C-alpha atoms as a PDB file:
ATOM      1  CA  MET A   1      19.221 -11.696 -51.759  1.00  0.00           C
ATOM      2  CA  ASP A   2      17.211 -14.282 -53.678  1.00  0.00           C
ATOM      3  CA  ILE A   3      17.403 -14.088 -57.438  1.00  0.00           C
ATOM      4  CA  PRO A   4      14.671 -15.588 -59.620  1.00  0.00           C
ATOM      5  CA  THR A   5      15.758 -18.779 -61.342  1.00  0.00           C
ATOM      6  CA  ILE A   6      16.904 -18.686 -64.970  1.00  0.00           C
ATOM      7  CA  LEU A   7      14.152 -18.018 -67.538  1.00  0.00           C
ATOM      8  CA  THR A   8      11.955 -16.462 -64.819  1.00  0.00           C
ATOM      9  CA  GLU A   9      10.807 -12.852 -64.906  1.00  0.00           C
ATOM     10  CA  LEU A  10       9.423 -11.479 -61.658  1.00  0.00           C
ATOM     11  CA  ARG A  11       7.929  -8.010 -61.225  1.00  0.00           C
ATOM     12  CA  VAL A  12       5.894  -6.077 -58.665  1.00  0.00           C
ATOM     13  CA  TRP A  13       3.235  -3.987 -60.401  1.00  0.00           C
ATOM     14  CA  ASN A  14       0.949  -1.247 -59.131  1.00  0.00           C
ATOM     15  CA  GLU A  15      -2.671  -0.855 -60.287  1.00  0.00           C
ATOM     16  CA  LEU A  16      -1.504   0.743 -63.554  1.00  0.00           C
ATOM     17  CA  ASN A  17       0.613  -2.336 -64.394  1.00  0.00           C
ATOM     18  CA  GLU A  18       3.780  -0.300 -63.819  1.00  0.00           C
ATOM     19  CA  GLN A  19       6.658  -1.451 -61.659  1.00  0.00           C
ATOM     20  CA  VAL A  20       6.482  -0.066 -58.124  1.00  0.00           C
ATOM     21  CA  VAL A  21       9.053   2.413 -56.842  1.00  0.00           C
ATOM     22  CA  THR A  22      12.015   0.689 -55.148  1.00  0.00           C
ATOM     23  CA  ASP A  23      11.442   2.441 -51.815  1.00  0.00           C
ATOM     24  CA  ASP A  24      10.095  -0.511 -49.779  1.00  0.00           C
ATOM     25  CA  LYS A  25       6.871   1.505 -49.312  1.00  0.00           C
ATOM     26  CA  GLU A  26       4.791   1.406 -52.495  1.00  0.00           C
ATOM     27  CA  SER A  27       3.136  -1.972 -52.753  1.00  0.00           C
ATOM     28  CA  GLY A  28       1.890  -3.866 -55.756  1.00  0.00           C
ATOM     29  CA  GLU A  29       1.079  -7.351 -56.992  1.00  0.00           C
ATOM     30  CA  VAL A  30       3.804  -9.903 -57.634  1.00  0.00           C
ATOM     31  CA  VAL A  31       3.597 -11.046 -61.264  1.00  0.00           C
ATOM     32  CA  VAL A  32       5.802 -13.681 -62.854  1.00  0.00           C
ATOM     33  CA  ARG A  33       6.355 -15.541 -66.082  1.00  0.00           C
ATOM     34  CA  ALA A  34       8.374 -18.630 -66.849  1.00  0.00           C
ATOM     35  CA  PRO A  35       8.046 -21.470 -69.374  1.00  0.00           C
ATOM     36  CA  TRP A  36       6.916 -23.995 -66.755  1.00  0.00           C
ATOM     37  CA  LEU A  37       4.052 -22.050 -65.171  1.00  0.00           C
ATOM     38  CA  THR A  38       0.462 -23.164 -65.630  1.00  0.00           C
ATOM     39  CA  ARG A  39      -1.272 -21.640 -68.647  1.00  0.00           C
ATOM     40  CA  GLY A  40      -4.734 -21.521 -67.110  1.00  0.00           C
ATOM     41  CA  TYR A  41      -7.508 -23.378 -65.370  1.00  0.00           C
ATOM     42  CA  VAL A  42      -9.079 -26.584 -66.657  1.00  0.00           C
ATOM     43  CA  LYS A  43     -12.512 -25.836 -68.166  1.00  0.00           C
ATOM     44  CA  ASP A  44     -12.348 -22.171 -67.064  1.00  0.00           C
ATOM     45  CA  ALA A  45     -10.833 -20.049 -69.838  1.00  0.00           C
ATOM     46  CA  GLU A  46     -12.142 -16.795 -68.362  1.00  0.00           C
ATOM     47  CA  ARG A  47     -10.347 -17.343 -65.046  1.00  0.00           C
ATOM     48  CA  GLY A  48      -7.227 -18.403 -66.950  1.00  0.00           C
ATOM     49  CA  ALA A  49      -7.281 -15.160 -68.944  1.00  0.00           C
ATOM     50  CA  ALA A  50      -7.559 -13.149 -65.715  1.00  0.00           C
ATOM     51  CA  LEU A  51      -4.673 -15.132 -64.225  1.00  0.00           C
ATOM     52  CA  TRP A  52      -2.458 -14.186 -67.198  1.00  0.00           C
ATOM     53  CA  LYS A  53      -3.359 -10.502 -67.764  1.00  0.00           C
ATOM     54  CA  GLU A  54      -0.673  -8.544 -69.610  1.00  0.00           C
ATOM     55  CA  GLY A  55       1.334 -11.728 -70.268  1.00  0.00           C
ATOM     56  CA  TYR A  56       2.295 -12.367 -66.629  1.00  0.00           C
ATOM     57  CA  LEU A  57       0.850 -14.784 -64.093  1.00  0.00           C
ATOM     58  CA  HIS A  58      -0.790 -12.757 -61.305  1.00  0.00           C
ATOM     59  CA  THR A  59       0.072 -14.406 -57.978  1.00  0.00           C
ATOM     60  CA  GLY A  60      -2.364 -12.546 -55.740  1.00  0.00           C
ATOM     61  CA  ASP A  61       0.509 -11.582 -53.426  1.00  0.00           C
ATOM     62  CA  MET A  62       1.162  -7.952 -52.501  1.00  0.00           C
ATOM     63  CA  ALA A  63       4.777  -6.888 -52.027  1.00  0.00           C
ATOM     64  CA  THR A  64       7.159  -3.961 -51.835  1.00  0.00           C
ATOM     65  CA  VAL A  65      10.608  -3.657 -53.441  1.00  0.00           C
ATOM     66  CA  ASP A  66      13.607  -2.095 -51.701  1.00  0.00           C
ATOM     67  CA  ALA A  67      16.619  -0.267 -53.177  1.00  0.00           C
ATOM     68  CA  ALA A  68      18.517  -3.574 -53.513  1.00  0.00           C
ATOM     69  CA  HIS A  69      15.553  -4.930 -55.565  1.00  0.00           C
ATOM     70  CA  SER A  70      14.603  -7.446 -52.875  1.00  0.00           C
ATOM     71  CA  ILE A  71      10.887  -8.021 -52.504  1.00  0.00           C
ATOM     72  CA  ARG A  72       8.956  -8.219 -49.244  1.00  0.00           C
ATOM     73  CA  ILE A  73       5.601  -9.979 -49.395  1.00  0.00           C
ATOM     74  CA  CYS A  74       3.191  -7.948 -47.260  1.00  0.00           C
ATOM     75  CA  ASP A  75      -0.252  -9.482 -47.820  1.00  0.00           C
ATOM     76  CA  ARG A  76      -2.639 -11.276 -50.153  1.00  0.00           C
ATOM     77  CA  ILE A  77      -4.626  -9.019 -52.510  1.00  0.00           C
ATOM     78  CA  LYS A  78      -7.909 -10.390 -51.174  1.00  0.00           C
ATOM     79  CA  ASP A  79      -6.911  -9.305 -47.640  1.00  0.00           C
ATOM     80  CA  VAL A  80      -5.389  -5.888 -48.400  1.00  0.00           C
ATOM     81  CA  ILE A  81      -7.619  -3.017 -47.317  1.00  0.00           C
ATOM     82  CA  LYS A  82      -7.950  -0.042 -49.668  1.00  0.00           C
ATOM     83  CA  SER A  83      -8.894   3.007 -47.656  1.00  0.00           C
ATOM     84  CA  GLY A  84      -9.064   6.450 -49.229  1.00  0.00           C
ATOM     85  CA  GLY A  85      -6.836   5.338 -52.100  1.00  0.00           C
ATOM     86  CA  GLU A  86      -4.156   3.915 -49.779  1.00  0.00           C
ATOM     87  CA  TRP A  87      -3.314   0.241 -49.331  1.00  0.00           C
ATOM     88  CA  ILE A  88      -3.295  -1.089 -45.762  1.00  0.00           C
ATOM     89  CA  SER A  89      -1.758  -4.490 -45.027  1.00  0.00           C
ATOM     90  CA  SER A  90      -3.968  -6.574 -42.751  1.00  0.00           C
ATOM     91  CA  ILE A  91      -1.012  -8.858 -41.994  1.00  0.00           C
ATOM     92  CA  GLU A  92       1.156  -5.948 -40.854  1.00  0.00           C
ATOM     93  CA  LEU A  93      -1.608  -4.628 -38.582  1.00  0.00           C
ATOM     94  CA  GLU A  94      -2.195  -8.108 -37.150  1.00  0.00           C
ATOM     95  CA  GLY A  95       1.489  -8.411 -36.322  1.00  0.00           C
ATOM     96  CA  LEU A  96       1.627  -5.042 -34.583  1.00  0.00           C
ATOM     97  CA  ILE A  97      -1.604  -5.540 -32.622  1.00  0.00           C
ATOM     98  CA  GLY A  98      -0.408  -9.015 -31.660  1.00  0.00           C
ATOM     99  CA  LEU A  99       2.591  -7.469 -29.893  1.00  0.00           C
ATOM    100  CA  HIS A 100       0.278  -6.248 -27.104  1.00  0.00           C
ATOM    101  CA  THR A 101       0.710  -8.546 -24.088  1.00  0.00           C
ATOM    102  CA  ALA A 102      -3.057  -8.909 -23.615  1.00  0.00           C
ATOM    103  CA  VAL A 103      -3.644 -10.174 -27.185  1.00  0.00           C
ATOM    104  CA  ALA A 104      -3.802 -13.918 -27.824  1.00  0.00           C
ATOM    105  CA  GLU A 105      -4.974 -13.731 -31.442  1.00  0.00           C
ATOM    106  CA  VAL A 106      -6.042 -11.083 -33.925  1.00  0.00           C
ATOM    107  CA  ALA A 107      -7.614 -10.841 -37.372  1.00  0.00           C
ATOM    108  CA  VAL A 108      -7.861  -7.544 -39.263  1.00  0.00           C
ATOM    109  CA  VAL A 109     -10.580  -7.334 -41.899  1.00  0.00           C
ATOM    110  CA  GLY A 110     -11.681  -4.512 -44.188  1.00  0.00           C
ATOM    111  CA  PHE A 111     -15.345  -3.524 -44.255  1.00  0.00           C
ATOM    112  CA  PRO A 112     -17.069  -1.134 -46.653  1.00  0.00           C
ATOM    113  CA  ASP A 113     -17.047   2.536 -45.692  1.00  0.00           C
ATOM    114  CA  VAL A 114     -19.069   5.215 -47.490  1.00  0.00           C
ATOM    115  CA  LYS A 115     -16.377   7.885 -47.189  1.00  0.00           C
ATOM    116  CA  TRP A 116     -13.139   5.865 -47.504  1.00  0.00           C
ATOM    117  CA  GLY A 117     -14.153   2.808 -49.536  1.00  0.00           C
ATOM    118  CA  GLU A 118     -12.978   0.401 -46.844  1.00  0.00           C
ATOM    119  CA  ARG A 119     -11.752   0.667 -43.258  1.00  0.00           C
ATOM    120  CA  PRO A 120      -9.895  -1.900 -41.127  1.00  0.00           C
ATOM    121  CA  TYR A 121     -11.517  -3.529 -38.094  1.00  0.00           C
ATOM    122  CA  ALA A 122      -9.519  -5.645 -35.651  1.00  0.00           C
ATOM    123  CA  PHE A 123     -11.104  -8.759 -34.141  1.00  0.00           C
ATOM    124  CA  VAL A 124      -9.165  -9.606 -30.991  1.00  0.00           C
ATOM    125  CA  VAL A 125      -9.082 -12.626 -28.675  1.00  0.00           C
ATOM    126  CA  LEU A 126      -7.572 -11.681 -25.315  1.00  0.00           C
ATOM    127  CA  GLN A 127      -5.051 -13.712 -23.325  1.00  0.00           C
ATOM    128  CA  ASN A 128      -6.620 -15.610 -20.428  1.00  0.00           C
ATOM    129  CA  SER A 129      -9.637 -13.310 -20.194  1.00  0.00           C
ATOM    130  CA  ALA A 130      -7.452 -10.187 -19.944  1.00  0.00           C
ATOM    131  CA  GLN A 131      -9.454  -6.995 -19.673  1.00  0.00           C
ATOM    132  CA  ALA A 132      -7.568  -4.782 -22.144  1.00  0.00           C
ATOM    133  CA  GLU A 133      -9.655  -1.761 -23.032  1.00  0.00           C
ATOM    134  CA  PRO A 134      -9.828  -0.836 -26.735  1.00  0.00           C
ATOM    135  CA  VAL A 135      -8.091   2.435 -25.897  1.00  0.00           C
ATOM    136  CA  ASN A 136      -5.028   0.432 -24.768  1.00  0.00           C
ATOM    137  CA  LEU A 137      -4.916  -1.250 -28.162  1.00  0.00           C
ATOM    138  CA  GLN A 138      -5.239   2.172 -29.786  1.00  0.00           C
ATOM    139  CA  ASP A 139      -2.291   3.360 -27.677  1.00  0.00           C
ATOM    140  CA  GLN A 140      -0.355   0.294 -28.844  1.00  0.00           C
ATOM    141  CA  MET A 141      -0.963   1.285 -32.469  1.00  0.00           C
ATOM    142  CA  ARG A 142      -0.304   5.002 -31.911  1.00  0.00           C
ATOM    143  CA  GLN A 143       3.310   4.276 -31.028  1.00  0.00           C
ATOM    144  CA  PHE A 144       3.809   2.728 -34.484  1.00  0.00           C
ATOM    145  CA  ILE A 145       2.108   5.713 -36.121  1.00  0.00           C
ATOM    146  CA  ASP A 146       4.318   8.126 -34.130  1.00  0.00           C
ATOM    147  CA  ARG A 147       7.411   6.252 -35.375  1.00  0.00           C
ATOM    148  CA  ASP A 148       6.136   6.370 -38.990  1.00  0.00           C
ATOM    149  CA  GLN A 149       6.075   2.579 -39.085  1.00  0.00           C
ATOM    150  CA  ILE A 150       2.450   2.726 -40.255  1.00  0.00           C
ATOM    151  CA  SER A 151       0.298   5.565 -41.516  1.00  0.00           C
ATOM    152  CA  LYS A 152      -2.339   7.198 -39.327  1.00  0.00           C
ATOM    153  CA  TRP A 153      -5.148   5.945 -41.577  1.00  0.00           C
ATOM    154  CA  ALA A 154      -4.072   2.355 -40.816  1.00  0.00           C
ATOM    155  CA  MET A 155      -5.462   2.688 -37.273  1.00  0.00           C
ATOM    156  CA  PRO A 156      -8.383   0.245 -37.071  1.00  0.00           C
ATOM    157  CA  GLU A 157     -11.823   1.824 -36.793  1.00  0.00           C
ATOM    158  CA  ALA A 158     -12.589  -0.515 -33.913  1.00  0.00           C
ATOM    159  CA  PHE A 159     -11.043  -3.258 -31.821  1.00  0.00           C
ATOM    160  CA  ILE A 160     -13.772  -5.864 -31.435  1.00  0.00           C
ATOM    161  CA  ILE A 161     -13.180  -8.288 -28.577  1.00  0.00           C
ATOM    162  CA  VAL A 162     -14.346 -11.805 -29.514  1.00  0.00           C
ATOM    163  CA  SER A 163     -14.084 -15.185 -27.796  1.00  0.00           C
ATOM    164  CA  ALA A 164     -12.687 -16.938 -30.902  1.00  0.00           C
ATOM    165  CA  ILE A 165     -11.624 -16.232 -34.452  1.00  0.00           C
ATOM    166  CA  PRO A 166     -13.005 -18.627 -37.090  1.00  0.00           C
ATOM    167  CA  LYS A 167     -10.517 -20.889 -38.862  1.00  0.00           C
ATOM    168  CA  THR A 168     -10.517 -22.830 -42.123  1.00  0.00           C
ATOM    169  CA  SER A 169     -10.140 -26.616 -42.202  1.00  0.00           C
ATOM    170  CA  VAL A 170      -6.342 -26.183 -42.345  1.00  0.00           C
ATOM    171  CA  GLY A 171      -6.218 -23.813 -39.363  1.00  0.00           C
ATOM    172  CA  LYS A 172      -5.878 -20.483 -41.182  1.00  0.00           C
ATOM    173  CA  ILE A 173      -7.901 -17.441 -40.144  1.00  0.00           C
ATOM    174  CA  ASP A 174     -11.151 -17.517 -42.127  1.00  0.00           C
ATOM    175  CA  LYS A 175     -11.605 -13.869 -43.127  1.00  0.00           C
ATOM    176  CA  LYS A 176     -14.436 -14.794 -45.520  1.00  0.00           C
ATOM    177  CA  LYS A 177     -16.401 -16.137 -42.574  1.00  0.00           C
ATOM    178  CA  ILE A 178     -15.635 -13.027 -40.495  1.00  0.00           C
ATOM    179  CA  ARG A 179     -16.873 -10.818 -43.361  1.00  0.00           C
ATOM    180  CA  ALA A 180     -20.002 -12.931 -43.744  1.00  0.00           C
ATOM    181  CA  GLU A 181     -20.766 -12.986 -40.007  1.00  0.00           C
ATOM    182  CA  TRP A 182     -20.038  -9.322 -39.344  1.00  0.00           C
ATOM    183  CA  GLY A 183     -21.103  -7.865 -42.673  1.00  0.00           C
ATOM    184  CA  ASP A 184     -24.745  -7.959 -41.582  1.00  0.00           C
ATOM    185  CA  HIS A 185     -23.861  -6.267 -38.299  1.00  0.00           C
ATOM    186  CA  ASN A 186     -23.149  -2.609 -37.928  1.00  0.00           C
ATOM    187  CA  VAL A 187     -19.386  -2.876 -37.333  1.00  0.00           C
ATOM    188  CA  ALA A 188     -19.166   0.915 -37.518  1.00  0.00           C
ATOM    189  CA  GLY A 189     -21.112   1.114 -34.269  1.00  0.00           C
ATOM    190  CA  THR A 190     -18.679  -1.239 -32.508  1.00  0.00           C
ATOM    191  CA  THR A 191     -15.819  -0.096 -30.281  1.00  0.00           C
END
């Protein structure tokens, strides 16, 4: 188990700025304070104040805490999907979908939903032009739901087969670009 270095306080807070339950299920933001951390942004006091709300530096990482007080980073706040009041980790869904033998690459992105706030959509590149039907990917995810590894509301609304997933200049999945490209489309009508 890793222990924060001396003079470092590390917490995982929920939306009410309370420490999450140590059940490895409730997720919250990792916050930290130490004498050597940055105090803000140059020429941007407002952003610096947001970075240091409640006296802790907000990392933007989502994590859970287990009974031994070890943390498990599960996503970035900007990529977590809030659906019906529940947090869904896009990274966890990507990992599980990626286990399907027909999947070469996957990106899970949240899109606005009138009823639930947001819903996850999976953008999938298939291996060597494999012809996996979306229902097969749903079956893949159902096994994880049946084992209580993920909740039933984490099932993506749609599995959208694409030829490529956009990347940033450093090779990371560019979810901003996916949101921008697909936000104008009716993703709800996609299967």
